[in-house]
Amino acid sequence: MANMKGADLIADVLIQEGIPYVFGICGHGNVGLLDALHDRRDEIKL
């Protein structure tokens, strides 16, 4: 089993649950989540 970061897990669960959009304020504390969402930009919009 490959190592997975928490941000990747959150992004995958949002996609699995059918969440089409994520809204938020970009900042230092959530850069990991933003990167994970950006990597999946074909599946979920930020």
N, C-alpha and C. Protein backbone atom coordinates (compact mmCIF):
# COMPACT_ATOMS: atom_id res chain seq x y z
N MET A 1 0.85 -1.18 0.00
CA MET A 1 0.00 0.00 0.00
C MET A 1 0.88 1.23 0.00
N ALA A 2 0.60 2.15 -0.89
CA ALA A 2 1.40 3.36 -1.02
C ALA A 2 1.08 4.33 0.12
N ASN A 3 2.08 5.11 0.50
CA ASN A 3 1.86 6.15 1.50
C ASN A 3 1.00 7.25 0.89
N MET A 4 0.05 7.75 1.67
CA MET A 4 -0.85 8.79 1.20
C MET A 4 -0.87 9.91 2.22
N LYS A 5 -0.77 11.14 1.76
CA LYS A 5 -0.87 12.29 2.65
C LYS A 5 -2.33 12.53 3.00
N GLY A 6 -2.55 13.17 4.13
CA GLY A 6 -3.90 13.48 4.56
C GLY A 6 -4.67 14.31 3.55
N ALA A 7 -3.98 15.25 2.91
CA ALA A 7 -4.62 16.11 1.92
C ALA A 7 -5.11 15.29 0.72
N ASP A 8 -4.33 14.29 0.32
CA ASP A 8 -4.75 13.42 -0.79
C ASP A 8 -5.99 12.63 -0.40
N LEU A 9 -6.02 12.15 0.83
CA LEU A 9 -7.17 11.40 1.31
C LEU A 9 -8.43 12.28 1.32
N ILE A 10 -8.30 13.50 1.81
CA ILE A 10 -9.44 14.42 1.84
C ILE A 10 -9.95 14.70 0.43
N ALA A 11 -9.04 14.98 -0.49
CA ALA A 11 -9.43 15.26 -1.88
C ALA A 11 -10.13 14.05 -2.49
N ASP A 12 -9.61 12.87 -2.26
CA ASP A 12 -10.22 11.66 -2.81
C ASP A 12 -11.62 11.42 -2.25
N VAL A 13 -11.80 11.65 -0.96
CA VAL A 13 -13.12 11.46 -0.35
C VAL A 13 -14.11 12.49 -0.89
N LEU A 14 -13.69 13.73 -1.05
CA LEU A 14 -14.58 14.74 -1.63
C LEU A 14 -15.04 14.33 -3.02
N ILE A 15 -14.13 13.81 -3.82
CA ILE A 15 -14.46 13.36 -5.18
C ILE A 15 -15.39 12.16 -5.12
N GLN A 16 -15.10 11.20 -4.25
CA GLN A 16 -15.94 10.00 -4.12
C GLN A 16 -17.37 10.35 -3.70
N GLU A 17 -17.50 11.40 -2.90
CA GLU A 17 -18.82 11.82 -2.42
C GLU A 17 -19.55 12.70 -3.44
N GLY A 18 -18.92 12.98 -4.56
CA GLY A 18 -19.57 13.74 -5.62
C GLY A 18 -19.57 15.25 -5.41
N ILE A 19 -18.65 15.74 -4.60
CA ILE A 19 -18.55 17.18 -4.36
C ILE A 19 -17.92 17.81 -5.60
N PRO A 20 -18.64 18.72 -6.30
CA PRO A 20 -18.09 19.27 -7.55
C PRO A 20 -17.16 20.47 -7.35
N TYR A 21 -17.36 21.23 -6.26
CA TYR A 21 -16.60 22.46 -6.04
C TYR A 21 -16.11 22.54 -4.60
N VAL A 22 -14.96 23.18 -4.42
CA VAL A 22 -14.44 23.48 -3.09
C VAL A 22 -14.14 24.97 -3.05
N PHE A 23 -14.69 25.66 -2.06
CA PHE A 23 -14.47 27.08 -1.88
C PHE A 23 -13.64 27.29 -0.62
N GLY A 24 -12.78 28.29 -0.64
CA GLY A 24 -11.99 28.59 0.54
C GLY A 24 -11.01 29.71 0.28
N ILE A 25 -10.32 30.08 1.30
CA ILE A 25 -9.31 31.13 1.21
C ILE A 25 -7.95 30.44 1.23
N CYS A 26 -7.17 30.72 0.21
CA CYS A 26 -5.83 30.12 0.10
C CYS A 26 -4.91 30.72 1.15
N GLY A 27 -4.11 29.88 1.75
CA GLY A 27 -3.17 30.37 2.75
C GLY A 27 -2.14 29.32 3.08
N HIS A 28 -1.22 29.70 3.92
CA HIS A 28 -0.09 28.85 4.29
C HIS A 28 -0.56 27.53 4.92
N GLY A 29 -1.60 27.57 5.73
CA GLY A 29 -2.03 26.39 6.46
C GLY A 29 -2.73 25.32 5.64
N ASN A 30 -3.18 25.67 4.44
CA ASN A 30 -3.90 24.68 3.63
C ASN A 30 -3.27 24.45 2.26
N VAL A 31 -2.01 24.77 2.12
CA VAL A 31 -1.32 24.60 0.84
C VAL A 31 -1.31 23.13 0.40
N GLY A 32 -1.14 22.22 1.33
CA GLY A 32 -1.13 20.79 0.98
C GLY A 32 -2.45 20.36 0.37
N LEU A 33 -3.56 20.81 0.96
CA LEU A 33 -4.88 20.47 0.42
C LEU A 33 -5.07 21.12 -0.95
N LEU A 34 -4.64 22.35 -1.10
CA LEU A 34 -4.76 23.03 -2.40
C LEU A 34 -3.97 22.28 -3.46
N ASP A 35 -2.79 21.82 -3.12
CA ASP A 35 -1.98 21.04 -4.08
C ASP A 35 -2.69 19.75 -4.47
N ALA A 36 -3.27 19.06 -3.49
CA ALA A 36 -3.97 17.81 -3.76
C ALA A 36 -5.18 18.05 -4.65
N LEU A 37 -5.92 19.13 -4.39
CA LEU A 37 -7.07 19.46 -5.23
C LEU A 37 -6.63 19.86 -6.63
N HIS A 38 -5.55 20.59 -6.72
CA HIS A 38 -5.04 21.00 -8.04
C HIS A 38 -4.62 19.78 -8.86
N ASP A 39 -4.03 18.80 -8.21
CA ASP A 39 -3.63 17.57 -8.90
C ASP A 39 -4.83 16.81 -9.46
N ARG A 40 -6.01 17.07 -8.90
CA ARG A 40 -7.24 16.38 -9.33
C ARG A 40 -8.20 17.35 -10.01
N ARG A 41 -7.68 18.40 -10.63
CA ARG A 41 -8.50 19.48 -11.18
C ARG A 41 -9.47 19.04 -12.27
N ASP A 42 -9.26 17.88 -12.87
CA ASP A 42 -10.21 17.37 -13.85
C ASP A 42 -11.44 16.75 -13.18
N GLU A 43 -11.33 16.47 -11.88
CA GLU A 43 -12.42 15.80 -11.15
C GLU A 43 -13.15 16.71 -10.17
N ILE A 44 -12.49 17.78 -9.73
CA ILE A 44 -13.08 18.69 -8.75
C ILE A 44 -12.54 20.09 -9.02
N LYS A 45 -13.39 21.09 -8.85
CA LYS A 45 -13.01 22.47 -9.15
C LYS A 45 -12.72 23.23 -7.87
N LEU A 46 -11.68 24.03 -7.90
CA LEU A 46 -11.27 24.83 -6.75
C LEU A 46 -11.50 26.28 -7.08
